[in-house]
Amino acid sequence: MPSLRFGILGAGNIAGHHARAIQNTPNAELVAVASRTETTGRAFAAQHQTTWLADADALLARSDVDAVAICTPHDLHLPLAVAAARAGKHVLIEKPMALTVAECDAQIAACAHAGVTLGVVFQMRFDALSQQLKTWIDTGKLGRLLWTSATALWHRTDAYYRSGAWRGTLAHEGGGVLINQAIHTLDLLLWLTGMPTRVTAQTRTLNHAIEVEDGAMAILEYADNRLGSFQATVAAYPGYPERLEIIGTRGSAIYHRGQGRLEWHLADPREDGEAHAPISSGAANPMDIDIAGHIAQYQDFVAAVRAQRAPLIDGREGRKSVEIVEAIYRSARAHAPITLPFA
C-alpha cells in the first residue's frame, strides 16, 4: 500500500513531534516542510531528512504531498486549512483548531466541500489511562455523574513569551492560557464528560507582560443538573501536573494525568485502585511531552484516510474545545453567564 505523503506547515517546537510521529507511523512519509524562516526551516529539514520550502503555497502545489500537518501560529490555521483543502490535501491541524467557532465551521465546510479528511490534534485522548477512564464513564462504572472538574496550574516564563512575536498576542494567539496551553486539558474533560450548557467565567492577566489572559476560572453547568469547574493558569511556579476529578453516584475517579496516574474509589461494591502510565506533561516546559500520543493520532488519521472515514478527532470534535474557550472569553467580557450552544 502506498504511503500517505505528508508536508508540514511551520517548523516551530511542536513540528518536531509531528515529524517524528510521521516517521514512526506505518504507511506515512514526510516529504517536505514549509517555513518562512530559512535558517529554522533548513535546520529542521536537515534534522528530519526532508526538503525545506520557503512558503506554504510551494508545498501545497506539490503533487507528491497528499496531506498537510499545520503547526503554525493560531491565526494562520484557518487560511492554511482552507488553502490546503482547495489544493486537495488532507488536513491534520494542531490545537487549537482555530481562533473562533466561526473559523472552525469555515474549516469544516472547506474540507467537506473538497472531499478531504480533517483532523485536529488532541493527543491526550489517546493515552491508555484516558481511554480506560472514558470506558468507565460511558459504561456507568462511576454511576451518574454529579461533578466534573479539571485543573491545569502550569508555568511559563517571560522568556517563553519573548521567544515568539505571536505569543501572548490577541491577534496571533487568539487568547492566552485557555486557547494555547490549557485547551488540551479542557478537550480531555469535554471528551470524557460531555458539553456544558452554561458557562460563567472570569479571566485575568496575573503575572506576565502580555495582552491576553494567563489565568482563568469557569463554572460549568450541565443539562443533567451536574456541576463542574475548570481552572487554568501559567503563573503557577514551578508548574504542577494537570488533573481531572470525576465524581459519580457510585464513586469517584481522580485522573492525575500529568503524573501518569489514575485512582478510583467505588462505594458499592467497594473497590479502590490505581493504574499508572508513563509521565508526559507540559506543566513546566511545553516540550516535556513524549510523542506516543502523536504517533497514535497519526496512525488513526492515516487509517481514516485509507478507509474514507472520519478520524477519531475530526473537525466537529476539535470544534468543541474552541466553543467552550470562546464561551469563557465571552462570559469574562460580559460579566455574565453564556448559554450553549451559541445562538
C-alpha atoms as a PDB file:
ATOM      1  CA  MET A   1       0.000   0.000   0.000  1.00  0.00           C
ATOM      2  CA  PRO A   2       1.476   3.419  -0.940  1.00  0.00           C
ATOM      3  CA  SER A   3       2.395   5.702   1.954  1.00  0.00           C
ATOM      4  CA  LEU A   4       0.348   8.794   2.767  1.00  0.00           C
ATOM      5  CA  ARG A   5       2.807  11.585   1.987  1.00  0.00           C
ATOM      6  CA  PHE A   6       2.836  14.496   4.435  1.00  0.00           C
ATOM      7  CA  GLY A   7       4.064  18.044   4.310  1.00  0.00           C
ATOM      8  CA  ILE A   8       4.442  20.084   7.495  1.00  0.00           C
ATOM      9  CA  LEU A   9       3.496  23.769   7.533  1.00  0.00           C
ATOM     10  CA  GLY A  10       5.586  25.511  10.181  1.00  0.00           C
ATOM     11  CA  ALA A  11       8.868  24.457  11.755  1.00  0.00           C
ATOM     12  CA  GLY A  12       8.369  25.554  15.374  1.00  0.00           C
ATOM     13  CA  ASN A  13       8.681  23.444  18.510  1.00  0.00           C
ATOM     14  CA  ILE A  14       5.714  21.133  18.019  1.00  0.00           C
ATOM     15  CA  ALA A  15       6.589  20.450  14.374  1.00  0.00           C
ATOM     16  CA  GLY A  16       9.386  18.169  15.527  1.00  0.00           C
ATOM     17  CA  HIS A  17       6.873  15.924  17.287  1.00  0.00           C
ATOM     18  CA  HIS A  18       4.877  15.727  14.071  1.00  0.00           C
ATOM     19  CA  ALA A  19       7.945  14.832  12.029  1.00  0.00           C
ATOM     20  CA  ARG A  20       8.927  12.043  14.412  1.00  0.00           C
ATOM     21  CA  ALA A  21       5.338  10.801  14.626  1.00  0.00           C
ATOM     22  CA  ILE A  22       5.109  10.597  10.826  1.00  0.00           C
ATOM     23  CA  GLN A  23       8.417   8.759  10.671  1.00  0.00           C
ATOM     24  CA  ASN A  24       7.134   6.280  13.278  1.00  0.00           C
ATOM     25  CA  THR A  25       3.782   5.674  11.585  1.00  0.00           C
ATOM     26  CA  PRO A  26       3.463   2.786   9.104  1.00  0.00           C
ATOM     27  CA  ASN A  27       2.244   3.890   5.670  1.00  0.00           C
ATOM     28  CA  ALA A  28       3.215   7.521   6.318  1.00  0.00           C
ATOM     29  CA  GLU A  29       6.071   9.513   4.824  1.00  0.00           C
ATOM     30  CA  LEU A  30       7.418  13.023   5.451  1.00  0.00           C
ATOM     31  CA  VAL A  31       8.042  14.738   2.125  1.00  0.00           C
ATOM     32  CA  ALA A  32       8.625  18.422   2.912  1.00  0.00           C
ATOM     33  CA  VAL A  33       8.386  21.241   5.442  1.00  0.00           C
ATOM     34  CA  ALA A  34       7.475  24.859   4.698  1.00  0.00           C
ATOM     35  CA  SER A  35       8.850  27.641   6.889  1.00  0.00           C
ATOM     36  CA  ARG A  36       9.235  31.339   6.124  1.00  0.00           C
ATOM     37  CA  THR A  37      12.367  31.476   8.294  1.00  0.00           C
ATOM     38  CA  GLU A  38      15.126  29.945   6.201  1.00  0.00           C
ATOM     39  CA  THR A  39      17.571  29.127   8.989  1.00  0.00           C
ATOM     40  CA  THR A  40      14.889  27.383  11.024  1.00  0.00           C
ATOM     41  CA  GLY A  41      13.436  25.611   8.009  1.00  0.00           C
ATOM     42  CA  ARG A  42      16.756  24.354   6.688  1.00  0.00           C
ATOM     43  CA  ALA A  43      17.824  23.136  10.134  1.00  0.00           C
ATOM     44  CA  PHE A  44      14.505  21.321  10.590  1.00  0.00           C
ATOM     45  CA  ALA A  45      14.738  19.734   7.148  1.00  0.00           C
ATOM     46  CA  ALA A  46      18.283  18.542   7.789  1.00  0.00           C
ATOM     47  CA  GLN A  47      17.349  17.098  11.180  1.00  0.00           C
ATOM     48  CA  HIS A  48      14.393  15.171   9.809  1.00  0.00           C
ATOM     49  CA  GLN A  49      15.865  14.315   6.413  1.00  0.00           C
ATOM     50  CA  THR A  50      13.255  16.142   4.383  1.00  0.00           C
ATOM     51  CA  THR A  51      13.011  19.096   1.990  1.00  0.00           C
ATOM     52  CA  TRP A  52      12.649  22.727   3.048  1.00  0.00           C
ATOM     53  CA  LEU A  53      10.354  25.066   1.114  1.00  0.00           C
ATOM     54  CA  ALA A  54      10.110  28.811   1.644  1.00  0.00           C
ATOM     55  CA  ASP A  55       6.335  29.131   1.735  1.00  0.00           C
ATOM     56  CA  ALA A  56       3.104  27.197   2.101  1.00  0.00           C
ATOM     57  CA  ASP A  57       1.991  27.764  -1.488  1.00  0.00           C
ATOM     58  CA  ALA A  58       5.035  25.923  -2.790  1.00  0.00           C
ATOM     59  CA  LEU A  59       4.315  22.966  -0.536  1.00  0.00           C
ATOM     60  CA  LEU A  60       0.610  22.865  -1.417  1.00  0.00           C
ATOM     61  CA  ALA A  61       1.469  22.911  -5.127  1.00  0.00           C
ATOM     62  CA  ARG A  62       3.487  19.696  -4.889  1.00  0.00           C
ATOM     63  CA  SER A  63       1.862  16.618  -6.408  1.00  0.00           C
ATOM     64  CA  ASP A  64       3.813  14.339  -4.052  1.00  0.00           C
ATOM     65  CA  VAL A  65       2.092  15.784  -0.943  1.00  0.00           C
ATOM     66  CA  ASP A  66      -1.180  14.044  -0.004  1.00  0.00           C
ATOM     67  CA  ALA A  67      -1.752  15.609   3.424  1.00  0.00           C
ATOM     68  CA  VAL A  68      -0.504  18.517   5.499  1.00  0.00           C
ATOM     69  CA  ALA A  69       0.124  18.978   9.209  1.00  0.00           C
ATOM     70  CA  ILE A  70      -0.493  22.591  10.227  1.00  0.00           C
ATOM     71  CA  CYS A  71       1.899  23.591  13.016  1.00  0.00           C
ATOM     72  CA  THR A  72       1.834  27.395  12.705  1.00  0.00           C
ATOM     73  CA  PRO A  73       0.697  30.244  14.972  1.00  0.00           C
ATOM     74  CA  HIS A  74      -3.034  30.047  15.585  1.00  0.00           C
ATOM     75  CA  ASP A  75      -4.161  32.878  13.327  1.00  0.00           C
ATOM     76  CA  LEU A  76      -2.801  31.013  10.290  1.00  0.00           C
ATOM     77  CA  HIS A  77      -4.779  27.835  10.958  1.00  0.00           C
ATOM     78  CA  LEU A  78      -7.911  28.915   9.095  1.00  0.00           C
ATOM     79  CA  PRO A  79      -6.322  30.309   5.906  1.00  0.00           C
ATOM     80  CA  LEU A  80      -3.874  27.425   5.633  1.00  0.00           C
ATOM     81  CA  ALA A  81      -6.545  24.782   6.217  1.00  0.00           C
ATOM     82  CA  VAL A  82      -8.790  26.324   3.576  1.00  0.00           C
ATOM     83  CA  ALA A  83      -5.888  26.627   1.104  1.00  0.00           C
ATOM     84  CA  ALA A  84      -4.882  23.012   1.743  1.00  0.00           C
ATOM     85  CA  ALA A  85      -8.431  21.786   1.208  1.00  0.00           C
ATOM     86  CA  ARG A  86      -8.690  23.698  -2.068  1.00  0.00           C
ATOM     87  CA  ALA A  87      -5.412  22.085  -3.143  1.00  0.00           C
ATOM     88  CA  GLY A  88      -6.917  18.654  -2.448  1.00  0.00           C
ATOM     89  CA  LYS A  89      -4.756  17.898   0.591  1.00  0.00           C
ATOM     90  CA  HIS A  90      -5.974  16.139   3.714  1.00  0.00           C
ATOM     91  CA  VAL A  91      -5.569  18.335   6.809  1.00  0.00           C
ATOM     92  CA  LEU A  92      -4.297  17.466  10.288  1.00  0.00           C
ATOM     93  CA  ILE A  93      -4.181  20.634  12.360  1.00  0.00           C
ATOM     94  CA  GLU A  94      -2.595  21.337  15.743  1.00  0.00           C
ATOM     95  CA  LYS A  95      -4.731  22.659  18.567  1.00  0.00           C
ATOM     96  CA  PRO A  96      -6.487  24.988  18.742  1.00  0.00           C
ATOM     97  CA  MET A  97      -8.339  24.205  15.571  1.00  0.00           C
ATOM     98  CA  ALA A  98      -8.967  27.927  15.023  1.00  0.00           C
ATOM     99  CA  LEU A  99      -9.500  31.180  16.916  1.00  0.00           C
ATOM    100  CA  THR A 100     -13.316  31.078  16.968  1.00  0.00           C
ATOM    101  CA  VAL A 101     -16.239  28.728  16.380  1.00  0.00           C
ATOM    102  CA  ALA A 102     -16.999  30.557  13.136  1.00  0.00           C
ATOM    103  CA  GLU A 103     -13.473  29.820  11.892  1.00  0.00           C
ATOM    104  CA  CYS A 104     -13.854  26.162  12.894  1.00  0.00           C
ATOM    105  CA  ASP A 105     -17.058  25.954  10.888  1.00  0.00           C
ATOM    106  CA  ALA A 106     -15.322  27.509   7.885  1.00  0.00           C
ATOM    107  CA  GLN A 107     -12.588  24.856   8.068  1.00  0.00           C
ATOM    108  CA  ILE A 108     -15.122  22.045   8.345  1.00  0.00           C
ATOM    109  CA  ALA A 109     -17.082  23.382   5.382  1.00  0.00           C
ATOM    110  CA  ALA A 110     -13.966  23.841   3.223  1.00  0.00           C
ATOM    111  CA  CYS A 111     -12.724  20.300   3.845  1.00  0.00           C
ATOM    112  CA  ALA A 112     -16.179  18.803   3.319  1.00  0.00           C
ATOM    113  CA  HIS A 113     -16.598  20.692   0.049  1.00  0.00           C
ATOM    114  CA  ALA A 114     -13.179  19.497  -1.164  1.00  0.00           C
ATOM    115  CA  GLY A 115     -13.780  15.929  -0.028  1.00  0.00           C
ATOM    116  CA  VAL A 116     -10.637  15.810   2.119  1.00  0.00           C
ATOM    117  CA  THR A 117     -10.169  14.467   5.641  1.00  0.00           C
ATOM    118  CA  LEU A 118      -9.898  16.951   8.521  1.00  0.00           C
ATOM    119  CA  GLY A 119      -8.348  16.008  11.871  1.00  0.00           C
ATOM    120  CA  VAL A 120      -7.426  18.028  14.959  1.00  0.00           C
ATOM    121  CA  VAL A 121      -4.536  17.123  17.262  1.00  0.00           C
ATOM    122  CA  PHE A 122      -5.537  16.356  20.846  1.00  0.00           C
ATOM    123  CA  GLN A 123      -3.132  13.553  21.626  1.00  0.00           C
ATOM    124  CA  MET A 124      -4.132  13.245  25.291  1.00  0.00           C
ATOM    125  CA  ARG A 125      -7.261  11.383  24.214  1.00  0.00           C
ATOM    126  CA  PHE A 126      -5.066   8.521  23.019  1.00  0.00           C
ATOM    127  CA  ASP A 127      -3.411   7.957  26.421  1.00  0.00           C
ATOM    128  CA  ALA A 128      -4.141   4.480  27.789  1.00  0.00           C
ATOM    129  CA  LEU A 129      -5.462   5.895  31.077  1.00  0.00           C
ATOM    130  CA  SER A 130      -7.652   8.409  29.240  1.00  0.00           C
ATOM    131  CA  GLN A 131      -9.132   5.551  27.225  1.00  0.00           C
ATOM    132  CA  GLN A 132      -9.679   3.497  30.378  1.00  0.00           C
ATOM    133  CA  LEU A 133     -11.462   6.350  32.166  1.00  0.00           C
ATOM    134  CA  LYS A 134     -13.609   7.054  29.105  1.00  0.00           C
ATOM    135  CA  THR A 135     -14.787   3.444  29.033  1.00  0.00           C
ATOM    136  CA  TRP A 136     -15.660   3.536  32.718  1.00  0.00           C
ATOM    137  CA  ILE A 137     -17.683   6.727  32.370  1.00  0.00           C
ATOM    138  CA  ASP A 138     -19.510   5.550  29.261  1.00  0.00           C
ATOM    139  CA  THR A 139     -20.391   2.164  30.794  1.00  0.00           C
ATOM    140  CA  GLY A 140     -21.591   3.649  34.101  1.00  0.00           C
ATOM    141  CA  LYS A 141     -18.859   2.286  36.340  1.00  0.00           C
ATOM    142  CA  LEU A 142     -18.900   5.539  38.335  1.00  0.00           C
ATOM    143  CA  GLY A 143     -22.682   5.832  38.194  1.00  0.00           C
ATOM    144  CA  ARG A 144     -24.478   9.009  37.154  1.00  0.00           C
ATOM    145  CA  LEU A 145     -22.040  11.919  37.018  1.00  0.00           C
ATOM    146  CA  LEU A 146     -22.540  14.601  39.662  1.00  0.00           C
ATOM    147  CA  TRP A 147     -19.419  16.753  39.481  1.00  0.00           C
ATOM    148  CA  THR A 148     -16.689  17.043  36.886  1.00  0.00           C
ATOM    149  CA  SER A 149     -13.719  19.371  37.072  1.00  0.00           C
ATOM    150  CA  ALA A 150     -10.234  19.925  35.740  1.00  0.00           C
ATOM    151  CA  THR A 151      -7.188  21.942  36.764  1.00  0.00           C
ATOM    152  CA  ALA A 152      -4.084  22.977  34.844  1.00  0.00           C
ATOM    153  CA  LEU A 153      -1.788  25.008  37.095  1.00  0.00           C
ATOM    154  CA  TRP A 154       1.158  25.417  34.760  1.00  0.00           C
ATOM    155  CA  HIS A 155       4.089  27.795  34.464  1.00  0.00           C
ATOM    156  CA  ARG A 156       5.544  29.786  31.602  1.00  0.00           C
ATOM    157  CA  THR A 157       8.388  32.274  31.922  1.00  0.00           C
ATOM    158  CA  ASP A 158       8.631  35.741  30.439  1.00  0.00           C
ATOM    159  CA  ALA A 159      11.336  34.337  28.170  1.00  0.00           C
ATOM    160  CA  TYR A 160       8.790  31.904  26.743  1.00  0.00           C
ATOM    161  CA  TYR A 161       6.597  34.781  25.624  1.00  0.00           C
ATOM    162  CA  ARG A 162       9.558  36.649  24.199  1.00  0.00           C
ATOM    163  CA  SER A 163      10.585  33.576  22.176  1.00  0.00           C
ATOM    164  CA  GLY A 164       7.957  34.229  19.505  1.00  0.00           C
ATOM    165  CA  ALA A 165       6.401  37.530  18.458  1.00  0.00           C
ATOM    166  CA  TRP A 166       2.990  35.856  18.135  1.00  0.00           C
ATOM    167  CA  ARG A 167       2.920  34.569  21.703  1.00  0.00           C
ATOM    168  CA  GLY A 168       0.775  36.458  24.184  1.00  0.00           C
ATOM    169  CA  THR A 169      -0.993  38.457  21.474  1.00  0.00           C
ATOM    170  CA  LEU A 170      -4.709  38.571  20.767  1.00  0.00           C
ATOM    171  CA  ALA A 171      -4.282  38.892  17.003  1.00  0.00           C
ATOM    172  CA  HIS A 172      -1.998  35.892  16.543  1.00  0.00           C
ATOM    173  CA  GLU A 173      -2.570  33.604  19.528  1.00  0.00           C
ATOM    174  CA  GLY A 174      -6.253  34.455  19.922  1.00  0.00           C
ATOM    175  CA  GLY A 175      -6.009  34.408  23.700  1.00  0.00           C
ATOM    176  CA  GLY A 176      -3.686  33.077  26.366  1.00  0.00           C
ATOM    177  CA  VAL A 177      -3.549  30.072  28.642  1.00  0.00           C
ATOM    178  CA  LEU A 178      -7.024  28.876  27.683  1.00  0.00           C
ATOM    179  CA  ILE A 179      -6.617  28.655  23.930  1.00  0.00           C
ATOM    180  CA  ASN A 180      -2.988  27.548  23.994  1.00  0.00           C
ATOM    181  CA  GLN A 181      -1.810  25.517  26.984  1.00  0.00           C
ATOM    182  CA  ALA A 182      -4.971  24.509  28.865  1.00  0.00           C
ATOM    183  CA  ILE A 183      -7.048  23.618  25.817  1.00  0.00           C
ATOM    184  CA  HIS A 184      -5.584  20.093  25.956  1.00  0.00           C
ATOM    185  CA  THR A 185      -6.951  19.523  29.465  1.00  0.00           C
ATOM    186  CA  LEU A 186     -10.226  21.211  28.542  1.00  0.00           C
ATOM    187  CA  ASP A 187     -10.654  18.976  25.500  1.00  0.00           C
ATOM    188  CA  LEU A 188      -9.991  15.925  27.649  1.00  0.00           C
ATOM    189  CA  LEU A 189     -12.670  16.997  30.138  1.00  0.00           C
ATOM    190  CA  LEU A 190     -15.222  17.605  27.373  1.00  0.00           C
ATOM    191  CA  TRP A 191     -14.448  14.303  25.646  1.00  0.00           C
ATOM    192  CA  LEU A 192     -14.739  12.359  28.891  1.00  0.00           C
ATOM    193  CA  THR A 193     -17.809  14.024  30.371  1.00  0.00           C
ATOM    194  CA  GLY A 194     -19.698  15.951  27.685  1.00  0.00           C
ATOM    195  CA  MET A 195     -20.509  19.551  26.846  1.00  0.00           C
ATOM    196  CA  PRO A 196     -21.921  22.017  29.389  1.00  0.00           C
ATOM    197  CA  THR A 197     -24.993  24.099  28.619  1.00  0.00           C
ATOM    198  CA  ARG A 198     -23.941  27.227  30.519  1.00  0.00           C
ATOM    199  CA  VAL A 199     -20.583  28.811  31.352  1.00  0.00           C
ATOM    200  CA  THR A 200     -19.794  31.548  33.870  1.00  0.00           C
ATOM    201  CA  ALA A 201     -16.168  32.674  33.910  1.00  0.00           C
ATOM    202  CA  GLN A 202     -13.502  35.205  34.770  1.00  0.00           C
ATOM    203  CA  THR A 203     -10.109  35.698  33.177  1.00  0.00           C
ATOM    204  CA  ARG A 204      -7.119  37.738  34.322  1.00  0.00           C
ATOM    205  CA  THR A 205      -3.621  38.743  33.277  1.00  0.00           C
ATOM    206  CA  LEU A 206      -1.920  37.961  36.575  1.00  0.00           C
ATOM    207  CA  ASN A 207       1.840  37.919  36.238  1.00  0.00           C
ATOM    208  CA  HIS A 208       3.032  38.311  32.646  1.00  0.00           C
ATOM    209  CA  ALA A 209       3.506  41.359  30.434  1.00  0.00           C
ATOM    210  CA  ILE A 210       1.138  40.071  27.735  1.00  0.00           C
ATOM    211  CA  GLU A 211      -2.140  41.335  26.293  1.00  0.00           C
ATOM    212  CA  VAL A 212      -4.048  38.092  26.899  1.00  0.00           C
ATOM    213  CA  GLU A 213      -5.012  36.092  29.976  1.00  0.00           C
ATOM    214  CA  ASP A 214      -2.575  33.962  31.953  1.00  0.00           C
ATOM    215  CA  GLY A 215      -5.303  32.770  34.326  1.00  0.00           C
ATOM    216  CA  ALA A 216      -8.955  31.746  34.027  1.00  0.00           C
ATOM    217  CA  MET A 217     -11.676  30.113  36.111  1.00  0.00           C
ATOM    218  CA  ALA A 218     -15.045  28.841  34.905  1.00  0.00           C
ATOM    219  CA  ILE A 219     -18.170  27.322  36.430  1.00  0.00           C
ATOM    220  CA  LEU A 220     -19.750  24.746  34.134  1.00  0.00           C
ATOM    221  CA  GLU A 221     -23.429  23.791  34.287  1.00  0.00           C
ATOM    222  CA  TYR A 222     -24.897  20.764  32.514  1.00  0.00           C
ATOM    223  CA  ALA A 223     -28.319  19.718  31.287  1.00  0.00           C
ATOM    224  CA  ASP A 224     -28.361  16.735  33.675  1.00  0.00           C
ATOM    225  CA  ASN A 225     -28.088  19.012  36.773  1.00  0.00           C
ATOM    226  CA  ARG A 226     -24.376  18.319  37.083  1.00  0.00           C
ATOM    227  CA  LEU A 227     -21.924  20.994  38.155  1.00  0.00           C
ATOM    228  CA  GLY A 228     -18.337  21.372  37.065  1.00  0.00           C
ATOM    229  CA  SER A 229     -15.381  23.685  37.055  1.00  0.00           C
ATOM    230  CA  PHE A 230     -12.302  24.453  35.037  1.00  0.00           C
ATOM    231  CA  GLN A 231      -9.308  26.470  36.142  1.00  0.00           C
ATOM    232  CA  ALA A 232      -6.036  27.171  34.401  1.00  0.00           C
ATOM    233  CA  THR A 233      -3.014  29.416  34.729  1.00  0.00           C
ATOM    234  CA  VAL A 234       0.562  29.662  33.527  1.00  0.00           C
ATOM    235  CA  ALA A 235       1.528  31.770  36.563  1.00  0.00           C
ATOM    236  CA  ALA A 236       1.944  28.814  38.949  1.00  0.00           C
ATOM    237  CA  TYR A 237       5.659  28.293  39.563  1.00  0.00           C
ATOM    238  CA  PRO A 238       7.159  25.752  39.065  1.00  0.00           C
ATOM    239  CA  GLY A 239       4.211  24.204  37.184  1.00  0.00           C
ATOM    240  CA  TYR A 240       2.003  21.410  38.512  1.00  0.00           C
ATOM    241  CA  PRO A 241       0.704  18.328  36.681  1.00  0.00           C
ATOM    242  CA  GLU A 242      -2.810  18.686  35.268  1.00  0.00           C
ATOM    243  CA  ARG A 243      -5.595  16.640  36.843  1.00  0.00           C
ATOM    244  CA  LEU A 244      -9.279  15.865  36.401  1.00  0.00           C
ATOM    245  CA  GLU A 245     -11.866  14.923  39.025  1.00  0.00           C
ATOM    246  CA  ILE A 246     -14.886  12.833  38.090  1.00  0.00           C
ATOM    247  CA  ILE A 247     -17.481  12.247  40.822  1.00  0.00           C
ATOM    248  CA  GLY A 248     -20.473   9.976  40.296  1.00  0.00           C
ATOM    249  CA  THR A 249     -23.220   8.320  42.316  1.00  0.00           C
ATOM    250  CA  ARG A 250     -21.212   5.082  42.650  1.00  0.00           C
ATOM    251  CA  GLY A 251     -17.791   6.571  43.289  1.00  0.00           C
ATOM    252  CA  SER A 252     -15.024   8.850  42.109  1.00  0.00           C
ATOM    253  CA  ALA A 253     -12.003   8.865  39.854  1.00  0.00           C
ATOM    254  CA  ILE A 254      -9.105  11.285  40.088  1.00  0.00           C
ATOM    255  CA  TYR A 255      -7.054  11.379  36.901  1.00  0.00           C
ATOM    256  CA  HIS A 256      -3.613  12.762  37.720  1.00  0.00           C
ATOM    257  CA  ARG A 257      -2.962  12.993  34.017  1.00  0.00           C
ATOM    258  CA  GLY A 258       0.282  14.936  34.306  1.00  0.00           C
ATOM    259  CA  GLN A 259       1.631  12.303  36.694  1.00  0.00           C
ATOM    260  CA  GLY A 260       0.513   9.332  34.615  1.00  0.00           C
ATOM    261  CA  ARG A 261      -1.751   8.080  37.397  1.00  0.00           C
ATOM    262  CA  LEU A 262      -5.452   7.181  37.640  1.00  0.00           C
ATOM    263  CA  GLU A 263      -7.010   6.439  41.029  1.00  0.00           C
ATOM    264  CA  TRP A 264     -10.578   5.326  41.667  1.00  0.00           C
ATOM    265  CA  HIS A 265     -12.776   4.623  44.660  1.00  0.00           C
ATOM    266  CA  LEU A 266     -16.133   2.856  44.301  1.00  0.00           C
ATOM    267  CA  ALA A 267     -18.654   2.621  47.132  1.00  0.00           C
ATOM    268  CA  ASP A 268     -20.813  -0.388  46.206  1.00  0.00           C
ATOM    269  CA  PRO A 269     -19.348  -2.885  45.660  1.00  0.00           C
ATOM    270  CA  ARG A 270     -16.270  -1.459  47.366  1.00  0.00           C
ATOM    271  CA  GLU A 271     -13.305  -1.080  45.055  1.00  0.00           C
ATOM    272  CA  ASP A 272     -10.175   1.045  45.371  1.00  0.00           C
ATOM    273  CA  GLY A 273      -7.495   1.013  42.741  1.00  0.00           C
ATOM    274  CA  GLU A 274      -4.718   2.817  40.974  1.00  0.00           C
ATOM    275  CA  ALA A 275      -3.183   2.498  37.496  1.00  0.00           C
ATOM    276  CA  HIS A 276      -0.025   4.050  36.100  1.00  0.00           C
ATOM    277  CA  ALA A 277       1.345   5.133  32.731  1.00  0.00           C
ATOM    278  CA  PRO A 278       4.437   6.994  31.511  1.00  0.00           C
ATOM    279  CA  ILE A 279       4.598  10.645  32.578  1.00  0.00           C
ATOM    280  CA  SER A 280       4.118  13.239  29.845  1.00  0.00           C
ATOM    281  CA  SER A 281       3.168  16.793  30.819  1.00  0.00           C
ATOM    282  CA  GLY A 282       3.906  20.295  29.584  1.00  0.00           C
ATOM    283  CA  ALA A 283       3.302  21.822  33.013  1.00  0.00           C
ATOM    284  CA  ALA A 284       6.715  23.487  33.248  1.00  0.00           C
ATOM    285  CA  ASN A 285       8.108  23.025  29.747  1.00  0.00           C
ATOM    286  CA  PRO A 286       5.938  22.722  26.618  1.00  0.00           C
ATOM    287  CA  MET A 287       8.299  20.147  25.131  1.00  0.00           C
ATOM    288  CA  ASP A 288       8.272  17.787  28.120  1.00  0.00           C
ATOM    289  CA  ILE A 289       5.822  15.537  26.309  1.00  0.00           C
ATOM    290  CA  ASP A 290       6.589  12.283  24.548  1.00  0.00           C
ATOM    291  CA  ILE A 291       5.435  11.505  21.029  1.00  0.00           C
ATOM    292  CA  ALA A 292       3.374   8.410  21.825  1.00  0.00           C
ATOM    293  CA  GLY A 293       0.086  10.315  21.623  1.00  0.00           C
ATOM    294  CA  HIS A 294       1.045  11.979  18.352  1.00  0.00           C
ATOM    295  CA  ILE A 295       2.027   8.619  16.869  1.00  0.00           C
ATOM    296  CA  ALA A 296      -1.316   7.104  17.899  1.00  0.00           C
ATOM    297  CA  GLN A 297      -3.158  10.043  16.375  1.00  0.00           C
ATOM    298  CA  TYR A 298      -1.208   9.820  13.117  1.00  0.00           C
ATOM    299  CA  GLN A 299      -1.914   6.106  12.919  1.00  0.00           C
ATOM    300  CA  ASP A 300      -5.630   6.790  13.301  1.00  0.00           C
ATOM    301  CA  PHE A 301      -5.530   9.659  10.783  1.00  0.00           C
ATOM    302  CA  VAL A 302      -3.755   7.586   8.133  1.00  0.00           C
ATOM    303  CA  ALA A 303      -6.182   4.703   8.695  1.00  0.00           C
ATOM    304  CA  ALA A 304      -9.121   7.118   8.408  1.00  0.00           C
ATOM    305  CA  VAL A 305      -7.895   8.472   5.075  1.00  0.00           C
ATOM    306  CA  ARG A 306      -7.367   4.952   3.751  1.00  0.00           C
ATOM    307  CA  ALA A 307     -10.817   3.801   4.913  1.00  0.00           C
ATOM    308  CA  GLN A 308     -12.523   7.050   3.849  1.00  0.00           C
ATOM    309  CA  ARG A 309     -13.919   7.521   7.344  1.00  0.00           C
ATOM    310  CA  ALA A 310     -13.728  10.347   9.833  1.00  0.00           C
ATOM    311  CA  PRO A 311     -10.722  10.253  12.172  1.00  0.00           C
ATOM    312  CA  LEU A 312     -11.418   9.835  15.878  1.00  0.00           C
ATOM    313  CA  ILE A 313     -10.849  13.562  16.367  1.00  0.00           C
ATOM    314  CA  ASP A 314     -12.403  15.233  13.361  1.00  0.00           C
ATOM    315  CA  GLY A 315     -13.389  18.863  12.870  1.00  0.00           C
ATOM    316  CA  ARG A 316     -16.598  18.584  14.869  1.00  0.00           C
ATOM    317  CA  GLU A 317     -14.702  17.092  17.813  1.00  0.00           C
ATOM    318  CA  GLY A 318     -11.932  19.692  17.546  1.00  0.00           C
ATOM    319  CA  ARG A 319     -14.539  22.470  17.491  1.00  0.00           C
ATOM    320  CA  LYS A 320     -15.894  21.623  20.952  1.00  0.00           C
ATOM    321  CA  SER A 321     -12.993  22.990  22.990  1.00  0.00           C
ATOM    322  CA  VAL A 322     -12.903  26.173  20.899  1.00  0.00           C
ATOM    323  CA  GLU A 323     -16.603  26.669  21.650  1.00  0.00           C
ATOM    324  CA  ILE A 324     -16.002  26.466  25.402  1.00  0.00           C
ATOM    325  CA  VAL A 325     -12.932  28.714  25.200  1.00  0.00           C
ATOM    326  CA  GLU A 326     -14.997  31.264  23.289  1.00  0.00           C
ATOM    327  CA  ALA A 327     -17.813  30.953  25.858  1.00  0.00           C
ATOM    328  CA  ILE A 328     -15.343  31.594  28.685  1.00  0.00           C
ATOM    329  CA  TYR A 329     -13.982  34.677  26.914  1.00  0.00           C
ATOM    330  CA  ARG A 330     -17.500  35.965  26.203  1.00  0.00           C
ATOM    331  CA  SER A 331     -18.573  35.414  29.804  1.00  0.00           C
ATOM    332  CA  ALA A 332     -15.486  37.143  31.196  1.00  0.00           C
ATOM    333  CA  ARG A 333     -16.038  40.168  28.939  1.00  0.00           C
ATOM    334  CA  ALA A 334     -19.767  40.421  29.674  1.00  0.00           C
ATOM    335  CA  HIS A 335     -19.527  39.500  33.385  1.00  0.00           C
ATOM    336  CA  ALA A 336     -22.491  37.216  32.747  1.00  0.00           C
ATOM    337  CA  PRO A 337     -23.290  33.559  32.077  1.00  0.00           C
ATOM    338  CA  ILE A 338     -23.168  32.312  28.474  1.00  0.00           C
ATOM    339  CA  THR A 339     -25.675  29.716  27.255  1.00  0.00           C
ATOM    340  CA  LEU A 340     -24.552  26.987  24.854  1.00  0.00           C
ATOM    341  CA  PRO A 341     -24.723  26.253  22.024  1.00  0.00           C
ATOM    342  CA  PHE A 342     -24.335  29.760  20.682  1.00  0.00           C
ATOM    343  CA  ALA A 343     -27.460  31.187  19.051  1.00  0.00           C
END
